Amino acid sequence: MLLYANGVRYLKEKRDQLIVQGSILAMAGIITKIIGFIYRIPMANMLGEQGNGIYSVSFGIYNVALTLSSYSLPLALSKLVSSRLGKNEPKNAFILFKRAFFFALIAGACAFSVLFFGAEWLEALYSRTGLAHPLKVLAPTAFIVALLGVFRGYFQGHSTMVPTALSQILEQIVNAVVSILATFFFIKAYEGAPDIAARGAAGATVGTLAGAFGALVMLTLFFTGKLASIKKDVKSDTSVPESKRRTYYDIVTTMIPIILSQSIYQIGFTVDDLLYGNIMATKGIEDAVVSAEQGVFNTQYTQLINLPIAIATALAASALPSVVKLFVKGLHKEKNEKITSVIKLTSVITIPCAVGLAVLSEPLISTLFPSLVDFREIAVKLLVYGSSACVFYSIATVTTSVLQGNNRMRLPVINSFISFAIHVAAVFLMLKYTDLSVYALLIGDITFPLVICVLNIISLKKHTGYTVEFKRCFLLPLFLSGIMGGVAFLTNFGLGFIIPNKVIRLGVSFVAAIAVYGLSVLKTNVFTDDEILDLPAGGKILKLKNKLK
């Protein structure tokens, strides 16, 4: 009986540890996304629409290179290291780390070579004058990030997320400071030059390089401090060392499904840039106008919808490990309840954000991007018509993770490929044969995640028996968000007669909307008491809910 009690206590402690570590990484993800959102605003205003267009296209290419070479390394390595440690084989875990480091050197060098030596070729391919300048700055960054992935994956495999979390925060802080300063000085240095927009974009990417290097230094120092302890564990391990063939086979086969699931999104974004630049050029649209419209779409629109996506998926990700555990234990009823709470949490965050972005689009755009005035009307319309994309991207990401947590690894990849094929064909036809211009990209940005959502939900029903509760997960949050949107609009409109300052009106409208929505969510019992307790600061939220009864 005592042995059973100790076993239960051990499992509970392990579960609690996983939840804590997952929450640490989720919170770090939220913090870094918020920092990224904040620093991009002054940087975007300095770059101008054309500079933003060049910057965003270069980053789309860079992200594809990273996805194919190194973005999958942390997750793959953490799974492999964790499995070795689970079998009490620290020696093989360390061997795996060393061989993964060599693998990262090769992958990083390949990414560097493509971006640096192929910069001019990529500039011609994307029909984007000046693109080579930021790509050459991002090239060494790709090499550094590949090495970063090995350190992060190794530590995460030891079930400690603190090094990864701290390094991500440091990376983003350095990135923010250096990006703003470098953008300013590059634009100042090349003032009057014909390629000033491209030079400014190159300056903006210097911060990405500096941030990655700072994070690598931090993790190297942290690893050095732990090296003596690691070597002690390795020395005491009597297990048989793995062969190189086995190690590299495991690395590659573990990375491939992750690459396939992650690369679709990144490739989709950069294919849009590729199609837009080339097709608009064939229609005789000036290069500067094409860059400016891409800058509006990829900066003023995409930046605003990405923030709620990042927050929602980070919070949901912290709850997903428990879905995996319930699946492994065969507790299907409890697993389905957890899936419902994760999807519901995602929609409760993103649906009001989508409504708020649409209702307050004009004051948001004019307040955050005061220097970007030439294409402001387009930016506002993009946000009004396209804010729903943040809901679909978030639900697509979460349902993909849920399917993978149910050991259905291939289904999300297949669904993403189907949606990608439809997306590319639709965007190409709209750009080629209509005058929709940048709005073709918007339609594609909405339908791409929407198709994935539909296919994932069908797959969940067919292969796991789970049925999404549309009323609780979507309809009720949508109804409450509609009320919130009305409050935000009327508050902002009414204050316009007494408060001339647009920023103050926006701030008051924002606070009023959050207060009304938050209280209505608690009063209408969108979440059960148990679901509230699973949320960050759940105990305090539950106390507030009880006071409102």
Protein backbone atom coordinates (compact mmCIF):
# COMPACT_ATOMS: atom_id res chain seq x y z
CA MET A 1 0.00 0.00 0.00
CA LEU A 2 2.85 2.33 0.90
CA LEU A 3 4.61 1.47 -2.36
CA TYR A 4 1.44 2.31 -4.30
CA ALA A 5 1.06 5.62 -2.46
CA ASN A 6 4.69 6.51 -3.18
CA GLY A 7 4.17 5.64 -6.85
CA VAL A 8 1.08 7.85 -7.09
CA ARG A 9 2.95 10.68 -5.37
CA TYR A 10 5.89 10.29 -7.77
CA LEU A 11 3.59 10.40 -10.83
CA LYS A 12 1.83 13.47 -9.45
CA GLU A 13 5.17 15.20 -8.85
CA LYS A 14 6.30 14.38 -12.41
CA ARG A 15 3.01 15.66 -13.80
CA ASP A 16 3.25 18.87 -11.78
CA GLN A 17 6.85 19.31 -12.91
CA LEU A 18 5.84 18.94 -16.56
CA ILE A 19 3.04 21.45 -16.12
CA VAL A 20 5.38 23.94 -14.43
CA GLN A 21 8.10 23.51 -17.08
CA GLY A 22 5.54 23.79 -19.88
CA SER A 23 4.12 26.94 -18.32
CA ILE A 24 7.61 28.46 -18.08
CA LEU A 25 8.19 27.91 -21.79
CA ALA A 26 4.70 29.16 -22.65
CA MET A 27 5.17 32.36 -20.65
CA ALA A 28 8.59 32.92 -22.24
CA GLY A 29 6.92 32.52 -25.64
CA ILE A 30 4.30 35.12 -24.75
CA ILE A 31 6.90 37.56 -23.41
CA THR A 32 9.08 37.24 -26.51
CA LYS A 33 6.10 37.72 -28.83
CA ILE A 34 5.03 40.84 -26.95
CA ILE A 35 8.58 42.25 -27.10
CA GLY A 36 8.69 41.41 -30.80
CA PHE A 37 5.39 43.16 -31.39
CA ILE A 38 6.48 46.28 -29.49
CA TYR A 39 9.87 46.81 -31.15
CA ARG A 40 8.52 46.18 -34.65
CA ILE A 41 6.28 49.27 -34.34
CA PRO A 42 9.02 51.97 -34.17
CA MET A 43 11.15 49.95 -36.57
CA ALA A 44 8.30 49.74 -39.09
CA ASN A 45 7.69 53.47 -38.85
CA MET A 46 11.37 54.15 -39.61
CA LEU A 47 11.57 51.69 -42.50
CA GLY A 48 8.49 52.96 -44.34
CA GLU A 49 6.18 50.81 -46.46
CA GLN A 50 8.82 49.92 -49.07
CA GLY A 51 11.48 49.02 -46.48
CA ASN A 52 8.96 46.92 -44.60
CA GLY A 53 8.15 45.05 -47.78
CA ILE A 54 11.81 44.16 -48.44
CA TYR A 55 12.36 43.28 -44.76
CA SER A 56 9.31 40.98 -44.58
CA VAL A 57 10.10 39.16 -47.83
CA SER A 58 13.68 38.51 -46.67
CA PHE A 59 12.38 37.16 -43.36
CA GLY A 60 9.96 34.85 -45.17
CA ILE A 61 12.87 33.28 -47.08
CA TYR A 62 15.01 33.17 -43.91
CA ASN A 63 12.25 31.38 -41.98
CA VAL A 64 11.94 28.71 -44.66
CA ALA A 65 15.71 28.14 -44.53
CA LEU A 66 15.55 27.83 -40.74
CA THR A 67 12.56 25.50 -40.82
CA LEU A 68 14.30 23.16 -43.22
CA SER A 69 17.67 23.28 -41.46
CA SER A 70 17.26 23.87 -37.73
CA TYR A 71 13.84 24.91 -36.36
CA SER A 72 12.90 21.26 -35.86
CA LEU A 73 16.12 20.43 -33.99
CA PRO A 74 15.05 21.53 -30.47
CA LEU A 75 11.86 19.46 -30.49
CA ALA A 76 13.46 16.46 -32.19
CA LEU A 77 16.51 16.46 -29.93
CA SER A 78 14.44 16.95 -26.77
CA LYS A 79 12.36 13.86 -27.64
CA LEU A 80 15.45 11.77 -28.39
CA VAL A 81 17.39 12.91 -25.30
CA SER A 82 14.34 12.37 -23.11
CA SER A 83 13.95 8.81 -24.39
CA ARG A 84 17.62 8.02 -23.61
CA LEU A 85 17.36 9.48 -20.13
CA GLY A 86 14.11 7.57 -19.60
CA LYS A 87 16.11 4.37 -20.19
CA ASN A 88 18.79 5.66 -17.77
CA GLU A 89 21.36 6.15 -20.55
CA PRO A 90 22.98 9.58 -19.94
CA LYS A 91 25.99 8.46 -21.97
CA ASN A 92 23.91 7.99 -25.11
CA ALA A 93 22.09 11.22 -24.40
CA PHE A 94 25.42 13.07 -24.38
CA ILE A 95 26.63 11.22 -27.48
CA LEU A 96 23.39 12.29 -29.15
CA PHE A 97 24.09 15.91 -28.17
CA LYS A 98 27.60 15.86 -29.68
CA ARG A 99 26.46 14.27 -32.93
CA ALA A 100 23.48 16.62 -33.16
CA PHE A 101 25.91 19.52 -32.76
CA PHE A 102 27.90 18.26 -35.74
CA PHE A 103 24.63 17.80 -37.66
CA ALA A 104 23.71 21.41 -36.83
CA LEU A 105 27.09 22.65 -38.09
CA ILE A 106 26.40 21.05 -41.47
CA ALA A 107 22.75 22.17 -41.64
CA GLY A 108 23.63 25.70 -40.52
CA ALA A 109 26.44 25.92 -43.07
CA CYS A 110 24.03 24.87 -45.84
CA ALA A 111 21.48 27.50 -44.78
CA PHE A 112 24.24 30.13 -44.61
CA SER A 113 25.49 29.24 -48.09
CA VAL A 114 22.04 29.42 -49.68
CA LEU A 115 21.21 32.80 -48.10
CA PHE A 116 24.62 34.44 -48.56
CA PHE A 117 25.85 33.14 -51.89
CA GLY A 118 22.36 32.85 -53.36
CA ALA A 119 21.20 36.31 -52.23
CA GLU A 120 21.37 37.91 -55.69
CA TRP A 121 19.67 34.90 -57.29
CA LEU A 122 16.86 35.04 -54.69
CA GLU A 123 16.50 38.78 -55.31
CA ALA A 124 15.91 38.09 -59.01
CA LEU A 125 13.64 35.11 -58.30
CA TYR A 126 11.36 37.17 -56.03
CA SER A 127 11.55 40.21 -58.32
CA ARG A 128 12.39 42.37 -55.31
CA THR A 129 15.14 44.96 -55.82
CA GLY A 130 17.47 45.25 -52.82
CA LEU A 131 16.49 41.92 -51.26
CA ALA A 132 20.09 40.68 -51.28
CA HIS A 133 21.17 43.18 -48.59
CA PRO A 134 19.08 41.84 -45.68
CA LEU A 135 19.52 38.23 -46.83
CA LYS A 136 23.30 38.48 -46.49
CA VAL A 137 22.92 39.75 -42.91
CA LEU A 138 20.50 36.93 -42.08
CA ALA A 139 22.84 34.26 -43.50
CA PRO A 140 25.16 33.98 -40.44
CA THR A 141 22.08 34.20 -38.21
CA ALA A 142 20.81 30.93 -39.74
CA PHE A 143 24.09 29.26 -38.79
CA ILE A 144 23.94 30.50 -35.19
CA VAL A 145 20.27 29.51 -34.74
CA ALA A 146 21.10 25.95 -35.83
CA LEU A 147 23.60 25.68 -32.95
CA LEU A 148 21.11 27.30 -30.57
CA GLY A 149 18.62 24.56 -31.38
CA VAL A 150 20.99 21.85 -30.17
CA PHE A 151 21.53 23.45 -26.76
CA ARG A 152 17.82 24.14 -26.30
CA GLY A 153 16.82 20.63 -27.33
CA TYR A 154 19.38 19.05 -24.99
CA PHE A 155 18.19 21.03 -21.97
CA GLN A 156 14.52 20.45 -22.81
CA GLY A 157 15.29 16.72 -23.03
CA HIS A 158 16.41 16.98 -19.39
CA SER A 159 12.93 18.43 -18.59
CA THR A 160 14.30 21.86 -17.79
CA MET A 161 12.85 24.71 -19.82
CA VAL A 162 14.53 27.52 -17.89
CA PRO A 163 17.67 27.79 -20.11
CA THR A 164 15.51 27.87 -23.26
CA ALA A 165 13.09 30.38 -21.75
CA LEU A 166 15.80 32.75 -20.48
CA SER A 167 17.75 32.55 -23.73
CA GLN A 168 14.62 33.32 -25.75
CA ILE A 169 13.87 36.39 -23.65
CA LEU A 170 17.50 37.61 -23.83
CA GLU A 171 17.54 36.97 -27.58
CA GLN A 172 14.42 39.05 -28.12
CA ILE A 173 15.56 41.92 -25.87
CA VAL A 174 18.90 42.20 -27.68
CA ASN A 175 17.10 41.83 -31.00
CA ALA A 176 14.71 44.66 -30.12
CA VAL A 177 17.36 47.14 -28.99
CA VAL A 178 19.85 46.45 -31.79
CA SER A 179 17.17 46.31 -34.51
CA ILE A 180 15.85 49.76 -33.64
CA LEU A 181 19.31 51.30 -33.33
CA ALA A 182 20.72 49.63 -36.44
CA THR A 183 17.68 50.61 -38.52
CA PHE A 184 18.08 54.22 -37.43
CA PHE A 185 21.83 54.39 -38.14
CA PHE A 186 21.64 52.51 -41.45
CA ILE A 187 18.92 54.85 -42.73
CA LYS A 188 20.95 57.81 -41.50
CA ALA A 189 24.13 56.52 -43.14
CA TYR A 190 22.49 55.87 -46.52
CA GLU A 191 20.20 58.92 -46.53
CA GLY A 192 19.61 60.01 -50.11
CA ALA A 193 20.84 56.72 -51.60
CA PRO A 194 18.56 55.08 -54.20
CA ASP A 195 18.58 51.80 -52.23
CA ILE A 196 17.91 53.35 -48.82
CA ALA A 197 14.86 51.11 -48.24
CA ALA A 198 16.92 47.96 -48.76
CA ARG A 199 19.77 49.31 -46.59
CA GLY A 200 17.29 50.08 -43.81
CA ALA A 201 15.90 46.54 -44.07
CA ALA A 202 19.44 45.18 -43.77
CA GLY A 203 19.95 47.27 -40.63
CA ALA A 204 16.74 45.86 -39.16
CA THR A 205 18.05 42.31 -39.59
CA VAL A 206 21.27 43.09 -37.67
CA GLY A 207 19.24 42.85 -34.47
CA THR A 208 18.20 39.28 -35.32
CA LEU A 209 21.86 38.35 -35.71
CA ALA A 210 22.88 40.07 -32.45
CA GLY A 211 20.01 38.49 -30.51
CA ALA A 212 20.82 34.97 -31.71
CA PHE A 213 24.50 35.44 -30.89
CA GLY A 214 23.67 36.71 -27.37
CA ALA A 215 21.43 33.69 -26.73
CA LEU A 216 24.13 31.32 -27.97
CA VAL A 217 26.68 32.86 -25.60
CA MET A 218 24.24 32.50 -22.67
CA LEU A 219 23.49 28.83 -23.40
CA THR A 220 27.19 28.05 -23.96
CA LEU A 221 28.02 29.48 -20.53
CA PHE A 222 25.11 27.62 -18.94
CA PHE A 223 26.19 24.36 -20.59
CA THR A 224 29.80 24.88 -19.49
CA GLY A 225 28.60 25.28 -15.90
CA LYS A 226 26.72 21.97 -16.12
CA LEU A 227 29.45 20.09 -18.00
CA ALA A 228 31.17 18.62 -14.92
CA SER A 229 27.87 17.17 -13.67
CA ILE A 230 27.03 15.83 -17.12
CA LYS A 231 30.43 14.12 -17.46
CA LYS A 232 30.02 12.57 -14.00
CA ASP A 233 26.70 11.01 -15.05
CA VAL A 234 28.20 9.82 -18.34
CA LYS A 235 31.18 8.23 -16.58
CA SER A 236 28.94 6.23 -14.25
CA ASP A 237 26.80 4.94 -17.14
CA THR A 238 27.63 1.38 -18.24
CA SER A 239 25.21 1.21 -21.19
CA VAL A 240 26.47 0.36 -24.69
CA PRO A 241 27.25 3.49 -26.77
CA GLU A 242 25.03 3.95 -29.81
CA SER A 243 26.48 3.76 -33.29
CA LYS A 244 26.73 6.88 -35.46
CA ARG A 245 24.36 5.32 -37.96
CA ARG A 246 21.69 4.77 -35.30
CA THR A 247 22.05 8.29 -33.90
CA TYR A 248 21.88 10.13 -37.21
CA TYR A 249 19.04 7.90 -38.39
CA ASP A 250 17.05 8.81 -35.28
CA ILE A 251 17.79 12.53 -35.71
CA VAL A 252 16.73 12.62 -39.36
CA THR A 253 13.63 10.44 -39.00
CA THR A 254 12.45 12.42 -35.97
CA MET A 255 13.05 15.76 -37.70
CA ILE A 256 11.26 14.94 -40.97
CA PRO A 257 7.66 14.84 -39.62
CA ILE A 258 8.32 18.01 -37.63
CA ILE A 259 9.79 19.76 -40.68
CA LEU A 260 6.83 18.71 -42.83
CA SER A 261 4.30 20.01 -40.31
CA GLN A 262 6.16 23.29 -39.68
CA SER A 263 7.39 24.08 -43.18
CA ILE A 264 3.95 24.28 -44.82
CA TYR A 265 3.08 27.52 -43.04
CA GLN A 266 6.45 29.16 -43.72
CA ILE A 267 6.57 28.03 -47.35
CA GLY A 268 3.00 29.28 -47.82
CA PHE A 269 3.99 32.78 -46.68
CA THR A 270 7.06 33.03 -48.89
CA VAL A 271 5.27 31.53 -51.93
CA ASP A 272 2.73 34.35 -51.59
CA ASP A 273 5.60 36.86 -51.68
CA LEU A 274 7.07 35.09 -54.71
CA LEU A 275 3.78 35.05 -56.64
CA TYR A 276 2.87 38.60 -55.73
CA GLY A 277 6.21 40.14 -56.72
CA ASN A 278 6.41 38.38 -60.07
CA ILE A 279 2.76 38.59 -61.16
CA MET A 280 2.46 42.27 -60.22
CA ALA A 281 5.63 42.94 -62.22
CA THR A 282 4.07 41.34 -65.31
CA LYS A 283 1.09 43.69 -64.89
CA GLY A 284 3.40 46.69 -65.02
CA ILE A 285 3.05 47.70 -61.34
CA GLU A 286 6.05 49.71 -60.14
CA ASP A 287 8.56 47.85 -57.96
CA ALA A 288 8.27 50.46 -55.18
CA VAL A 289 4.48 50.07 -55.06
CA VAL A 290 4.69 46.28 -54.94
CA SER A 291 7.21 46.45 -52.07
CA ALA A 292 5.04 48.98 -50.24
CA GLU A 293 1.90 46.85 -50.53
CA GLN A 294 3.81 43.80 -49.34
CA GLY A 295 5.08 45.89 -46.44
CA VAL A 296 1.52 46.91 -45.51
CA PHE A 297 0.30 43.31 -45.65
CA ASN A 298 3.26 41.70 -43.88
CA THR A 299 3.72 44.41 -41.25
CA GLN A 300 0.64 46.46 -40.40
CA TYR A 301 -1.81 43.60 -40.97
CA THR A 302 0.19 40.47 -40.16
CA GLN A 303 1.90 41.91 -37.06
CA LEU A 304 -1.42 42.77 -35.47
CA ILE A 305 -3.08 39.41 -36.08
CA ASN A 306 0.05 37.47 -35.04
CA LEU A 307 0.02 38.73 -31.44
CA PRO A 308 -3.26 37.05 -30.38
CA ILE A 309 -2.20 33.92 -32.29
CA ALA A 310 1.05 33.76 -30.30
CA ILE A 311 -0.63 34.32 -26.93
CA ALA A 312 -3.44 31.83 -27.55
CA THR A 313 -1.23 29.04 -28.89
CA ALA A 314 1.37 29.52 -26.13
CA LEU A 315 -1.27 29.23 -23.40
CA ALA A 316 -2.90 26.25 -25.11
CA ALA A 317 0.50 24.57 -25.60
CA SER A 318 1.07 24.54 -21.84
CA ALA A 319 -2.07 22.41 -21.46
CA LEU A 320 -1.39 20.00 -24.33
CA PRO A 321 1.08 17.70 -22.46
CA SER A 322 -1.81 16.61 -20.24
CA VAL A 323 -3.76 15.59 -23.39
CA VAL A 324 -0.87 13.29 -24.33
CA LYS A 325 -0.74 11.77 -20.85
CA LEU A 326 -4.50 11.10 -20.77
CA PHE A 327 -4.25 9.49 -24.23
CA VAL A 328 -1.41 7.22 -23.10
CA LYS A 329 -3.40 6.17 -20.01
CA GLY A 330 -6.48 5.44 -22.10
CA LEU A 331 -8.64 7.94 -20.20
CA HIS A 332 -10.65 9.00 -23.25
CA LYS A 333 -13.44 10.87 -21.48
CA GLU A 334 -10.99 12.99 -19.49
CA LYS A 335 -8.86 13.46 -22.62
CA ASN A 336 -11.83 14.75 -24.63
CA GLU A 337 -12.77 17.15 -21.84
CA LYS A 338 -9.21 18.48 -21.83
CA ILE A 339 -9.26 18.90 -25.64
CA THR A 340 -12.49 20.88 -25.35
CA SER A 341 -10.99 23.17 -22.71
CA VAL A 342 -7.86 23.77 -24.83
CA ILE A 343 -9.89 24.62 -27.98
CA LYS A 344 -12.27 26.74 -25.92
CA LEU A 345 -9.39 28.68 -24.32
CA THR A 346 -7.98 29.37 -27.77
CA SER A 347 -11.27 30.68 -29.16
CA VAL A 348 -12.08 32.70 -26.01
CA ILE A 349 -8.82 34.60 -26.55
CA THR A 350 -8.71 34.94 -30.32
CA ILE A 351 -12.37 35.61 -31.24
CA PRO A 352 -12.62 38.84 -29.17
CA CYS A 353 -9.21 39.87 -30.49
CA ALA A 354 -10.46 39.44 -34.07
CA VAL A 355 -13.60 41.47 -33.32
CA GLY A 356 -11.59 44.17 -31.54
CA LEU A 357 -9.06 44.45 -34.38
CA ALA A 358 -11.88 44.86 -36.90
CA VAL A 359 -13.89 47.38 -34.87
CA LEU A 360 -10.91 49.51 -33.84
CA SER A 361 -8.85 49.04 -37.02
CA GLU A 362 -8.57 52.70 -38.01
CA PRO A 363 -7.48 54.11 -34.61
CA LEU A 364 -5.13 51.14 -34.11
CA ILE A 365 -3.38 51.57 -37.46
CA SER A 366 -3.10 55.35 -37.20
CA THR A 367 -1.86 55.20 -33.59
CA LEU A 368 0.69 52.42 -34.00
CA PHE A 369 1.98 53.43 -37.45
CA PRO A 370 1.74 57.24 -37.63
CA SER A 371 4.55 57.51 -40.20
CA LEU A 372 2.98 55.04 -42.62
CA VAL A 373 0.28 57.13 -44.30
CA ASP A 374 0.51 56.48 -48.05
CA PHE A 375 -1.30 53.12 -47.91
CA ARG A 376 -3.22 53.57 -44.65
CA GLU A 377 -6.64 52.98 -46.21
CA ILE A 378 -5.47 49.59 -47.51
CA ALA A 379 -4.00 48.70 -44.09
CA VAL A 380 -7.30 49.50 -42.34
CA LYS A 381 -9.35 47.48 -44.84
CA LEU A 382 -6.98 44.51 -44.54
CA LEU A 383 -7.44 44.49 -40.78
CA VAL A 384 -11.23 44.85 -40.99
CA TYR A 385 -11.67 42.06 -43.54
CA GLY A 386 -8.88 39.76 -42.39
CA SER A 387 -8.86 39.83 -38.58
CA SER A 388 -10.70 36.48 -38.47
CA ALA A 389 -7.51 34.82 -39.73
CA CYS A 390 -6.07 34.99 -36.20
CA VAL A 391 -8.87 32.67 -35.01
CA PHE A 392 -8.35 30.15 -37.81
CA TYR A 393 -4.55 30.06 -37.48
CA SER A 394 -4.80 29.51 -33.73
CA ILE A 395 -7.40 26.73 -33.98
CA ALA A 396 -5.43 25.10 -36.82
CA THR A 397 -2.27 25.08 -34.69
CA VAL A 398 -4.03 23.71 -31.61
CA THR A 399 -5.95 20.97 -33.48
CA THR A 400 -2.72 19.96 -35.20
CA SER A 401 -1.05 19.54 -31.79
CA VAL A 402 -4.08 17.62 -30.47
CA LEU A 403 -3.95 15.18 -33.40
CA GLN A 404 -0.22 14.68 -32.85
CA GLY A 405 -0.87 14.19 -29.13
CA ASN A 406 -3.28 11.39 -30.11
CA ASN A 407 -0.48 9.72 -32.06
CA ARG A 408 -1.88 10.81 -35.44
CA MET A 409 1.33 12.41 -36.68
CA ARG A 410 0.69 12.15 -40.43
CA LEU A 411 -2.85 13.52 -40.54
CA PRO A 412 -2.02 17.20 -39.82
CA VAL A 413 0.75 17.06 -42.42
CA ILE A 414 -1.63 15.67 -45.05
CA ASN A 415 -4.29 18.24 -44.16
CA SER A 416 -1.75 21.06 -44.38
CA PHE A 417 -0.53 19.89 -47.79
CA ILE A 418 -4.10 19.76 -49.12
CA SER A 419 -4.77 23.29 -47.84
CA PHE A 420 -1.44 24.51 -49.21
CA ALA A 421 -2.21 23.20 -52.70
CA ILE A 422 -5.63 24.87 -52.70
CA HIS A 423 -4.09 28.08 -51.33
CA VAL A 424 -1.35 28.37 -53.97
CA ALA A 425 -3.77 27.67 -56.82
CA ALA A 426 -6.34 30.17 -55.52
CA VAL A 427 -3.82 32.97 -54.88
CA PHE A 428 -2.21 32.46 -58.29
CA LEU A 429 -5.55 32.60 -60.11
CA MET A 430 -6.75 35.65 -58.17
CA LEU A 431 -3.51 37.56 -58.77
CA LYS A 432 -3.27 36.55 -62.41
CA TYR A 433 -6.84 37.02 -63.56
CA THR A 434 -8.39 39.60 -61.23
CA ASP A 435 -7.58 43.09 -59.98
CA LEU A 436 -7.76 42.08 -56.32
CA SER A 437 -4.03 42.78 -55.89
CA VAL A 438 -3.07 42.61 -52.19
CA TYR A 439 -6.60 41.52 -51.26
CA ALA A 440 -5.89 38.23 -53.06
CA LEU A 441 -3.20 37.61 -50.42
CA LEU A 442 -5.75 38.43 -47.73
CA ILE A 443 -8.30 35.93 -49.05
CA GLY A 444 -5.57 33.31 -49.21
CA ASP A 445 -4.46 34.15 -45.66
CA ILE A 446 -7.98 33.48 -44.37
CA THR A 447 -8.82 30.36 -46.40
CA PHE A 448 -5.45 28.62 -45.81
CA PRO A 449 -5.88 28.08 -42.02
CA LEU A 450 -9.66 27.73 -42.39
CA VAL A 451 -9.30 24.66 -44.63
CA ILE A 452 -6.77 23.17 -42.19
CA CYS A 453 -9.23 23.77 -39.30
CA VAL A 454 -12.05 22.00 -41.14
CA LEU A 455 -9.87 19.04 -42.16
CA ASN A 456 -8.37 18.71 -38.67
CA ILE A 457 -11.79 18.75 -37.01
CA ILE A 458 -13.02 16.06 -39.44
CA SER A 459 -9.88 14.02 -38.70
CA LEU A 460 -10.44 14.33 -34.95
CA LYS A 461 -13.98 13.02 -35.33
CA LYS A 462 -13.02 10.19 -37.69
CA HIS A 463 -9.83 8.93 -36.05
CA THR A 464 -10.20 9.76 -32.34
CA GLY A 465 -13.96 9.90 -31.85
CA TYR A 466 -13.77 13.44 -30.52
CA THR A 467 -16.50 15.89 -31.58
CA VAL A 468 -15.93 19.61 -31.19
CA GLU A 469 -18.61 21.30 -29.06
CA PHE A 470 -19.33 24.23 -31.38
CA LYS A 471 -21.76 25.97 -29.05
CA ARG A 472 -19.42 26.10 -26.05
CA CYS A 473 -16.20 26.51 -28.02
CA PHE A 474 -17.23 28.98 -30.73
CA LEU A 475 -20.81 30.29 -30.72
CA LEU A 476 -20.92 31.56 -27.12
CA PRO A 477 -17.49 33.30 -27.32
CA LEU A 478 -18.59 34.80 -30.68
CA PHE A 479 -21.82 36.14 -29.18
CA LEU A 480 -19.99 37.66 -26.18
CA SER A 481 -17.32 39.09 -28.49
CA GLY A 482 -20.04 40.77 -30.54
CA ILE A 483 -21.29 42.53 -27.40
CA MET A 484 -17.71 43.48 -26.55
CA GLY A 485 -17.16 44.84 -30.08
CA GLY A 486 -20.25 47.01 -29.76
CA VAL A 487 -18.99 48.42 -26.45
CA ALA A 488 -15.54 49.14 -27.96
CA PHE A 489 -17.00 50.89 -31.01
CA LEU A 490 -19.55 52.98 -29.09
CA THR A 491 -16.98 53.96 -26.43
CA ASN A 492 -14.44 55.05 -29.03
CA PHE A 493 -17.11 56.88 -31.06
CA GLY A 494 -18.70 58.57 -28.05
CA LEU A 495 -15.40 59.71 -26.57
CA GLY A 496 -14.61 61.36 -29.90
CA PHE A 497 -16.98 64.20 -28.95
CA ILE A 498 -15.22 64.98 -25.64
CA ILE A 499 -11.63 63.64 -25.92
CA PRO A 500 -9.66 64.81 -28.97
CA ASN A 501 -6.64 62.58 -28.22
CA LYS A 502 -6.98 59.39 -30.29
CA VAL A 503 -4.56 57.39 -28.11
CA ILE A 504 -6.54 58.08 -24.92
CA ARG A 505 -9.81 57.15 -26.65
CA LEU A 506 -8.28 53.92 -27.89
CA GLY A 507 -6.92 53.06 -24.44
CA VAL A 508 -10.25 53.70 -22.68
CA SER A 509 -12.14 51.72 -25.34
CA PHE A 510 -9.68 48.85 -24.98
CA VAL A 511 -10.07 48.72 -21.16
CA ALA A 512 -13.87 48.95 -21.36
CA ALA A 513 -14.02 46.14 -23.92
CA ILE A 514 -11.79 43.83 -21.85
CA ALA A 515 -13.80 44.51 -18.68
CA VAL A 516 -17.15 43.82 -20.36
CA TYR A 517 -15.90 40.68 -22.10
CA GLY A 518 -14.11 39.26 -19.06
CA LEU A 519 -17.12 39.75 -16.79
CA SER A 520 -19.53 38.33 -19.36
CA VAL A 521 -17.34 35.21 -19.80
CA LEU A 522 -17.41 34.59 -16.04
CA LYS A 523 -21.13 35.34 -15.67
CA THR A 524 -22.20 33.03 -18.50
CA ASN A 525 -20.08 30.09 -17.25
CA VAL A 526 -18.12 29.65 -20.46
CA PHE A 527 -15.55 27.79 -18.35
CA THR A 528 -16.27 25.26 -15.62
CA ASP A 529 -14.61 25.73 -12.21
CA ASP A 530 -12.10 22.96 -12.98
CA GLU A 531 -11.21 24.57 -16.32
CA ILE A 532 -10.69 27.93 -14.61
CA LEU A 533 -8.32 26.35 -12.08
CA ASP A 534 -6.19 25.05 -14.97
CA LEU A 535 -5.71 28.61 -16.27
CA PRO A 536 -2.80 30.86 -15.20
CA ALA A 537 -3.89 32.60 -11.95
CA GLY A 538 -6.93 30.29 -12.03
CA GLY A 539 -7.49 30.47 -8.27
CA LYS A 540 -7.87 34.25 -8.34
CA ILE A 541 -10.15 34.11 -11.39
CA LEU A 542 -12.37 31.52 -9.66
CA LYS A 543 -12.65 33.73 -6.56
CA LEU A 544 -13.75 36.64 -8.78
CA LYS A 545 -16.30 34.41 -10.51
CA ASN A 546 -17.76 33.35 -7.15
CA LYS A 547 -18.03 36.98 -6.05
CA LEU A 548 -20.05 37.79 -9.18
CA LYS A 549 -22.69 35.17 -8.39
